């Protein structure tokens, strides 16, 4: 169980990440790449990504096990400024921190291997902490950590660090960058839901609106977690980071001296997470004609419920729902449930259509 303890000052300092975090998505996508579940949801993405990678993931696999702790320095807060800002922060990690976190990662993997060989499941917090540590997206049992792959990093040598940054950059370009518009759309849709909750009822309502894996029981936010963990914010607040590739279990940093962040999964449809095929999309777009649907798309620009959409566009509730469904099928709108209502937001394609095809501001890399 994860328990995050809030004070009044912490509630005043709860904030939403402005966009997807490139390094959190990169690292968590590596978990999705290696798991065997969710074949329908991530299967096509895995096939395309593996073809582009050409097996170049050995160093990343040495640092990020399929289950268990991975070093906090891989997801620095500076990555909010883009990939290159995040990689620069990784390069600047002090040697002492590199050594301590990589030593912890090695010990965590050794404990996981020992637990896997032991008869019967591990029990109790001690076994969980040893086998899973604090950042543990689910997956297969961790494999061996090849010491030569990380020894140079732990010693702070520039050559191994340059190799790590090259590996992360290459993996990101193969696994995350081609899908960034989809990732951004899902995170933006989640932000719209959280933002509405914040406006309706403040920080407490925002915390109540988080996915079902998280439960707000004032003054504590709880989540099912691989280990028992008490995180006391002590007035520092909390950054909420919605993530496309985070699934099932939220993630927090192990090092409690770092600025607190909670990474949690966004909602996905039960089918493929990257939408329809090009042919289906073209067919749906062909249905987008007329002034009414244009008005509906304009009304959704900043997010709205179906009732609000009907009022803004001057149509009936049933008509607003039908127009939103067509726009959703065409890949122009995302719809998420918010309490007893649904909230519609634009996808990057929908936003581009409203701009008349003009490019959006380029993301920082």
Protein backbone atom coordinates (compact mmCIF):
# COMPACT_ATOMS: atom_id res chain seq x y z
CA UNK A 1 0.00 0.00 0.00
CA UNK A 2 1.21 3.48 -0.90
CA UNK A 3 0.02 6.24 1.43
CA UNK A 4 0.77 9.88 0.58
CA UNK A 5 0.20 12.20 3.54
CA UNK A 6 -0.98 15.78 2.90
CA UNK A 7 -1.02 18.86 5.07
CA UNK A 8 -3.08 21.96 4.34
CA UNK A 9 -0.01 23.52 2.70
CA UNK A 10 0.40 20.43 0.50
CA UNK A 11 -3.18 20.70 -0.75
CA UNK A 12 -2.49 24.30 -1.73
CA UNK A 13 0.59 23.13 -3.65
CA UNK A 14 -0.97 20.28 -5.64
CA UNK A 15 -0.36 20.93 -9.34
CA UNK A 16 -0.88 19.21 -12.66
CA UNK A 17 1.94 18.61 -15.12
CA UNK A 18 1.46 20.78 -18.19
CA UNK A 19 2.18 17.97 -20.68
CA UNK A 20 3.52 14.42 -20.96
CA UNK A 21 6.99 13.93 -19.53
CA UNK A 22 9.30 12.60 -22.26
CA UNK A 23 11.53 10.54 -19.96
CA UNK A 24 8.75 9.08 -17.83
CA UNK A 25 7.01 8.00 -21.06
CA UNK A 26 10.29 6.63 -22.43
CA UNK A 27 11.13 4.57 -19.35
CA UNK A 28 7.58 3.32 -18.73
CA UNK A 29 7.13 2.42 -22.41
CA UNK A 30 10.12 0.10 -22.00
CA UNK A 31 8.06 -1.83 -19.44
CA UNK A 32 5.15 -2.07 -21.88
CA UNK A 33 7.49 -3.24 -24.65
CA UNK A 34 8.64 -6.29 -22.68
CA UNK A 35 5.41 -7.40 -21.03
CA UNK A 36 3.27 -10.09 -22.64
CA UNK A 37 -0.11 -8.76 -21.55
CA UNK A 38 -2.37 -6.32 -23.41
CA UNK A 39 -1.68 -7.79 -26.84
CA UNK A 40 -4.68 -5.99 -28.34
CA UNK A 41 -3.90 -2.65 -26.70
CA UNK A 42 -0.16 -2.46 -27.33
CA UNK A 43 0.53 -5.30 -29.78
CA UNK A 44 0.85 -3.26 -32.95
CA UNK A 45 2.95 -0.62 -31.18
CA UNK A 46 5.30 -3.34 -29.90
CA UNK A 47 5.76 -4.82 -33.37
CA UNK A 48 6.48 -1.45 -34.96
CA UNK A 49 8.83 -0.38 -32.16
CA UNK A 50 10.82 -3.62 -32.13
CA UNK A 51 11.32 -3.36 -35.88
CA UNK A 52 12.75 0.14 -35.50
CA UNK A 53 14.91 -0.76 -32.49
CA UNK A 54 16.74 -3.64 -34.12
CA UNK A 55 17.55 -5.07 -30.66
CA UNK A 56 19.46 -2.01 -29.40
CA UNK A 57 18.21 -2.10 -25.79
CA UNK A 58 20.83 -4.03 -23.80
CA UNK A 59 22.04 -1.12 -21.69
CA UNK A 60 18.51 0.10 -21.01
CA UNK A 61 17.49 -3.41 -19.96
CA UNK A 62 20.43 -3.48 -17.54
CA UNK A 63 19.12 -0.35 -15.83
CA UNK A 64 15.35 -0.85 -16.07
CA UNK A 65 14.21 -4.33 -14.99
CA UNK A 66 10.85 -5.67 -16.04
CA UNK A 67 9.83 -5.56 -12.40
CA UNK A 68 11.28 -3.55 -9.56
CA UNK A 69 13.35 -0.49 -8.83
CA UNK A 70 14.88 1.63 -11.57
CA UNK A 71 17.11 4.58 -10.69
CA UNK A 72 15.47 7.92 -9.99
CA UNK A 73 18.12 9.77 -12.00
CA UNK A 74 16.58 8.38 -15.21
CA UNK A 75 13.50 10.59 -14.77
CA UNK A 76 14.75 14.06 -13.74
CA UNK A 77 12.28 16.90 -13.33
CA UNK A 78 14.16 18.84 -16.02
CA UNK A 79 12.61 16.54 -18.63
CA UNK A 80 9.51 18.74 -18.42
CA UNK A 81 11.50 21.04 -20.71
CA UNK A 82 11.93 18.34 -23.36
CA UNK A 83 14.11 15.35 -24.17
CA UNK A 84 17.41 17.16 -24.51
CA UNK A 85 16.87 19.05 -21.25
CA UNK A 86 16.19 15.76 -19.50
CA UNK A 87 19.24 14.08 -21.00
CA UNK A 88 21.40 17.03 -19.97
CA UNK A 89 20.15 16.62 -16.40
CA UNK A 90 21.01 12.92 -16.47
CA UNK A 91 24.52 13.77 -17.68
CA UNK A 92 24.87 16.23 -14.78
CA UNK A 93 23.92 13.64 -12.13
CA UNK A 94 26.57 13.74 -9.38
CA UNK A 95 28.83 10.63 -9.33
CA UNK A 96 27.87 9.86 -5.74
CA UNK A 97 24.20 9.69 -6.65
CA UNK A 98 24.92 7.54 -9.70
CA UNK A 99 26.85 5.10 -7.54
CA UNK A 100 24.25 4.88 -4.77
CA UNK A 101 21.24 4.46 -7.07
CA UNK A 102 22.95 1.92 -9.33
CA UNK A 103 24.13 -0.03 -6.29
CA UNK A 104 20.55 -0.06 -5.00
CA UNK A 105 19.29 -1.21 -8.41
CA UNK A 106 21.79 -4.08 -8.46
CA UNK A 107 20.86 -5.14 -4.92
CA UNK A 108 17.16 -4.95 -5.77
CA UNK A 109 17.60 -7.24 -8.78
CA UNK A 110 19.65 -9.71 -6.75
CA UNK A 111 16.87 -9.83 -4.13
CA UNK A 112 14.27 -10.32 -6.85
CA UNK A 113 16.21 -13.27 -8.28
CA UNK A 114 16.55 -14.81 -4.83
CA UNK A 115 12.83 -14.37 -4.18
CA UNK A 116 12.01 -15.97 -7.53
CA UNK A 117 14.06 -19.06 -6.64
CA UNK A 118 12.59 -19.38 -3.14
CA UNK A 119 9.67 -21.84 -2.69
CA UNK A 120 6.32 -20.11 -2.29
CA UNK A 121 5.46 -16.42 -2.69
CA UNK A 122 7.30 -13.81 -0.59
CA UNK A 123 5.30 -12.41 2.28
CA UNK A 124 5.41 -9.31 4.41
CA UNK A 125 6.73 -5.81 3.76
CA UNK A 126 10.38 -6.83 4.10
CA UNK A 127 10.15 -9.40 1.33
CA UNK A 128 8.24 -6.97 -0.85
CA UNK A 129 10.72 -4.16 -0.32
CA UNK A 130 13.63 -6.43 -1.09
CA UNK A 131 12.11 -7.98 -4.16
CA UNK A 132 10.24 -5.06 -5.69
CA UNK A 133 11.55 -1.85 -4.13
CA UNK A 134 9.52 1.34 -4.53
CA UNK A 135 9.04 1.81 -8.28
CA UNK A 136 7.51 -1.37 -9.53
CA UNK A 137 5.35 -1.46 -12.66
CA UNK A 138 4.13 -5.02 -12.99
CA UNK A 139 5.77 -7.50 -15.33
CA UNK A 140 7.93 -10.58 -15.43
CA UNK A 141 10.57 -11.37 -12.79
CA UNK A 142 13.70 -9.25 -13.13
CA UNK A 143 16.64 -10.77 -14.96
CA UNK A 144 20.30 -10.63 -14.08
CA UNK A 145 22.03 -7.26 -13.97
CA UNK A 146 25.23 -7.50 -16.03
CA UNK A 147 27.80 -5.62 -13.93
CA UNK A 148 30.00 -4.53 -16.90
CA UNK A 149 27.07 -2.65 -18.45
CA UNK A 150 26.67 -0.32 -15.45
CA UNK A 151 30.05 -0.41 -13.69
CA UNK A 152 31.37 2.50 -15.74
CA UNK A 153 28.23 4.52 -15.03
CA UNK A 154 28.52 3.83 -11.30
CA UNK A 155 32.12 5.07 -11.43
CA UNK A 156 31.03 8.29 -13.16
CA UNK A 157 33.03 7.71 -16.33
CA UNK A 158 32.01 9.93 -19.29
CA UNK A 159 32.11 7.16 -21.92
CA UNK A 160 29.40 4.95 -20.38
CA UNK A 161 27.29 8.02 -19.65
CA UNK A 162 27.47 9.09 -23.30
CA UNK A 163 26.45 5.57 -24.31
CA UNK A 164 23.45 5.72 -21.97
CA UNK A 165 22.29 9.05 -23.38
CA UNK A 166 22.67 7.76 -26.94
CA UNK A 167 20.66 4.66 -26.01
CA UNK A 168 17.88 6.69 -24.39
CA UNK A 169 17.71 9.08 -27.33
CA UNK A 170 17.58 6.25 -29.85
CA UNK A 171 14.97 4.31 -27.90
CA UNK A 172 12.80 7.42 -27.49
CA UNK A 173 12.91 8.08 -31.24
CA UNK A 174 11.88 4.52 -31.99
CA UNK A 175 9.27 3.89 -29.31
CA UNK A 176 7.81 7.23 -28.23
CA UNK A 177 8.43 10.05 -30.71
CA UNK A 178 6.39 8.55 -33.61
CA UNK A 179 3.36 8.35 -31.31
CA UNK A 180 3.77 11.64 -29.48
CA UNK A 181 0.59 13.21 -30.87
CA UNK A 182 -1.47 10.31 -29.51
CA UNK A 183 0.33 10.43 -26.16
CA UNK A 184 -0.21 14.17 -25.92
CA UNK A 185 -3.90 13.88 -26.80
CA UNK A 186 -4.55 11.32 -24.05
CA UNK A 187 -2.69 13.37 -21.46
CA UNK A 188 -4.50 16.56 -22.53
CA UNK A 189 -7.84 14.78 -22.19
CA UNK A 190 -6.91 13.65 -18.69
CA UNK A 191 -5.80 17.18 -17.79
CA UNK A 192 -9.16 18.51 -18.92
CA UNK A 193 -10.96 16.12 -16.56
CA UNK A 194 -8.67 17.00 -13.62
CA UNK A 195 -8.91 20.71 -14.37
CA UNK A 196 -12.69 20.61 -14.32
CA UNK A 197 -12.60 18.76 -10.99
CA UNK A 198 -10.24 21.40 -9.58
CA UNK A 199 -12.55 24.22 -10.69
CA UNK A 200 -15.61 22.43 -9.31
CA UNK A 201 -14.27 21.57 -5.87
CA UNK A 202 -10.64 22.54 -5.36
CA UNK A 203 -7.69 20.27 -4.67
CA UNK A 204 -9.74 17.73 -2.70
CA UNK A 205 -12.11 17.24 -5.64
CA UNK A 206 -9.10 16.95 -7.96
CA UNK A 207 -7.65 14.14 -5.82
CA UNK A 208 -11.06 12.42 -5.68
CA UNK A 209 -11.23 12.52 -9.48
CA UNK A 210 -8.01 10.53 -9.99
CA UNK A 211 -8.27 7.03 -11.53
CA UNK A 212 -9.73 4.23 -9.37
CA UNK A 213 -6.26 2.89 -8.53
CA UNK A 214 -5.94 6.00 -6.31
CA UNK A 215 -8.25 6.72 -3.37
CA UNK A 216 -8.49 10.05 -1.54
CA UNK A 217 -9.18 9.48 2.17
CA UNK A 218 -8.38 12.87 3.70
CA UNK A 219 -5.66 13.70 4.50
CA UNK A 220 -4.15 10.62 2.81
CA UNK A 221 -4.05 9.56 -0.85
CA UNK A 222 -3.86 5.75 -1.05
CA UNK A 223 -2.99 3.32 -3.82
CA UNK A 224 -2.44 -0.41 -4.07
CA UNK A 225 1.33 -0.79 -4.33
CA UNK A 226 3.86 -3.62 -4.47
CA UNK A 227 5.42 -2.52 -1.15
CA UNK A 228 4.32 -0.64 1.94
CA UNK A 229 5.33 2.99 1.55
CA UNK A 230 4.53 6.12 3.56
CA UNK A 231 5.29 9.37 1.71
CA UNK A 232 4.97 12.53 3.79
CA UNK A 233 4.88 15.66 1.67
CA UNK A 234 5.66 18.01 4.58
CA UNK A 235 4.54 21.16 2.80
CA UNK A 236 6.32 20.47 -0.50
CA UNK A 237 3.13 19.79 -2.44
CA UNK A 238 2.73 17.15 -5.14
CA UNK A 239 3.09 17.17 -8.91
CA UNK A 240 0.48 14.98 -10.62
CA UNK A 241 1.90 13.55 -13.84
CA UNK A 242 -0.58 11.69 -16.08
CA UNK A 243 1.18 9.07 -18.19
CA UNK A 244 0.23 7.25 -21.37
CA UNK A 245 2.47 4.23 -20.75
CA UNK A 246 1.92 3.92 -16.99
CA UNK A 247 -0.53 1.07 -16.42
CA UNK A 248 -2.22 -0.48 -13.36
CA UNK A 249 0.03 0.93 -10.62
CA UNK A 250 1.04 4.57 -10.03
CA UNK A 251 4.72 5.34 -9.60
CA UNK A 252 6.61 7.59 -7.18
CA UNK A 253 10.27 8.36 -6.73
CA UNK A 254 12.10 6.35 -4.12
CA UNK A 255 14.32 9.22 -2.95
CA UNK A 256 12.15 11.23 -0.56
CA UNK A 257 14.49 14.24 -0.76
CA UNK A 258 13.50 14.82 -4.39
CA UNK A 259 10.51 16.98 -5.32
CA UNK A 260 7.45 14.68 -4.90
CA UNK A 261 5.79 13.48 -8.10
CA UNK A 262 3.00 10.96 -8.62
CA UNK A 263 2.85 9.34 -12.05
CA UNK A 264 -0.53 7.75 -12.75
CA UNK A 265 -2.17 6.03 -15.75
CA UNK A 266 -4.48 7.86 -18.13
CA UNK A 267 -7.60 6.15 -19.41
CA UNK A 268 -7.31 4.05 -22.57
CA UNK A 269 -9.94 2.45 -24.79
CA UNK A 270 -10.05 -1.37 -24.62
CA UNK A 271 -8.83 -1.67 -28.20
CA UNK A 272 -5.63 -0.35 -29.80
CA UNK A 273 -4.30 2.70 -27.96
CA UNK A 274 -3.11 4.42 -31.13
CA UNK A 275 -6.49 4.69 -32.80
CA UNK A 276 -7.89 3.67 -36.15
CA UNK A 277 -6.09 2.71 -39.31
CA UNK A 278 -5.51 5.27 -42.04
CA UNK A 279 -8.29 3.84 -44.20
CA UNK A 280 -10.87 3.97 -41.43
CA UNK A 281 -9.80 7.48 -40.52
CA UNK A 282 -10.13 8.72 -44.10
CA UNK A 283 -13.61 7.19 -44.33
CA UNK A 284 -14.72 8.91 -41.14
CA UNK A 285 -13.26 12.26 -42.15
CA UNK A 286 -15.34 12.12 -45.33
CA UNK A 287 -18.46 12.47 -43.18
CA UNK A 288 -17.32 15.80 -41.74
CA UNK A 289 -19.40 18.32 -43.69
CA UNK A 290 -21.68 21.21 -42.87
CA UNK A 291 -21.74 24.27 -40.64
CA UNK A 292 -23.25 22.49 -37.64
CA UNK A 293 -20.40 20.04 -37.22
CA UNK A 294 -17.90 22.85 -37.62
CA UNK A 295 -19.68 24.70 -34.80
CA UNK A 296 -19.55 21.56 -32.67
CA UNK A 297 -15.82 21.23 -33.22
CA UNK A 298 -15.35 24.89 -32.30
CA UNK A 299 -17.39 24.37 -29.13
CA UNK A 300 -15.15 21.51 -28.00
CA UNK A 301 -11.98 23.61 -28.41
CA UNK A 302 -11.48 24.11 -24.66
CA UNK A 303 -13.26 20.98 -23.44
CA UNK A 304 -16.91 20.58 -22.52
CA UNK A 305 -19.55 18.08 -21.45
CA UNK A 306 -22.28 16.93 -23.85
CA UNK A 307 -24.80 19.29 -22.21
CA UNK A 308 -22.41 22.21 -22.56
CA UNK A 309 -21.71 21.22 -26.15
CA UNK A 310 -25.43 21.24 -26.98
CA UNK A 311 -25.82 24.69 -25.43
CA UNK A 312 -22.75 26.20 -27.11
CA UNK A 313 -23.54 24.78 -30.55
CA UNK A 314 -27.27 25.47 -30.34
CA UNK A 315 -28.34 21.87 -30.94
CA UNK A 316 -30.30 19.27 -28.98
CA UNK A 317 -28.59 16.99 -26.47
CA UNK A 318 -29.11 13.97 -28.75
CA UNK A 319 -27.69 15.84 -31.73
CA UNK A 320 -24.66 17.00 -29.73
CA UNK A 321 -23.97 13.41 -28.66
CA UNK A 322 -24.25 12.19 -32.26
CA UNK A 323 -21.94 14.89 -33.63
CA UNK A 324 -19.38 14.19 -30.90
CA UNK A 325 -19.48 10.47 -31.77
CA UNK A 326 -18.76 11.19 -35.46
CA UNK A 327 -15.91 13.53 -34.56
CA UNK A 328 -14.53 10.91 -32.18
CA UNK A 329 -14.64 8.22 -34.88
CA UNK A 330 -12.76 10.58 -37.17
CA UNK A 331 -9.96 10.98 -34.65
CA UNK A 332 -10.74 14.66 -33.96
CA UNK A 333 -12.16 14.36 -30.45
CA UNK A 334 -11.43 12.36 -27.30
CA UNK A 335 -14.17 11.58 -24.79
CA UNK A 336 -13.56 10.68 -21.15
CA UNK A 337 -16.05 10.05 -18.36
CA UNK A 338 -16.10 12.58 -15.51
CA UNK A 339 -18.51 11.53 -12.75
CA UNK A 340 -21.98 11.21 -14.27
CA UNK A 341 -21.01 13.22 -17.36
CA UNK A 342 -18.56 12.83 -20.22
CA UNK A 343 -15.95 15.41 -21.19
CA UNK A 344 -14.99 16.02 -24.82
CA UNK A 345 -11.59 17.45 -25.81
CA UNK A 346 -9.80 17.93 -29.12
CA UNK A 347 -7.05 15.67 -30.39
CA UNK A 348 -4.02 17.26 -32.12
CA UNK A 349 -5.71 16.48 -35.45
CA UNK A 350 -8.90 18.24 -34.36
CA UNK A 351 -6.93 21.26 -33.19
CA UNK A 352 -5.02 21.35 -36.48
CA UNK A 353 -8.29 21.30 -38.42
CA UNK A 354 -9.51 24.33 -36.48
CA UNK A 355 -6.24 26.10 -37.23
CA UNK A 356 -6.77 25.52 -40.94
CA UNK A 357 -3.79 23.17 -41.12
CA UNK A 358 -1.31 25.65 -39.62
CA UNK A 359 1.26 23.83 -37.50
CA UNK A 360 1.05 24.01 -33.73
CA UNK A 361 3.93 25.32 -31.71
CA UNK A 362 6.71 22.75 -31.97
CA UNK A 363 7.40 20.74 -28.81
CA UNK A 364 10.68 21.37 -27.05
CA UNK A 365 13.18 18.57 -27.55
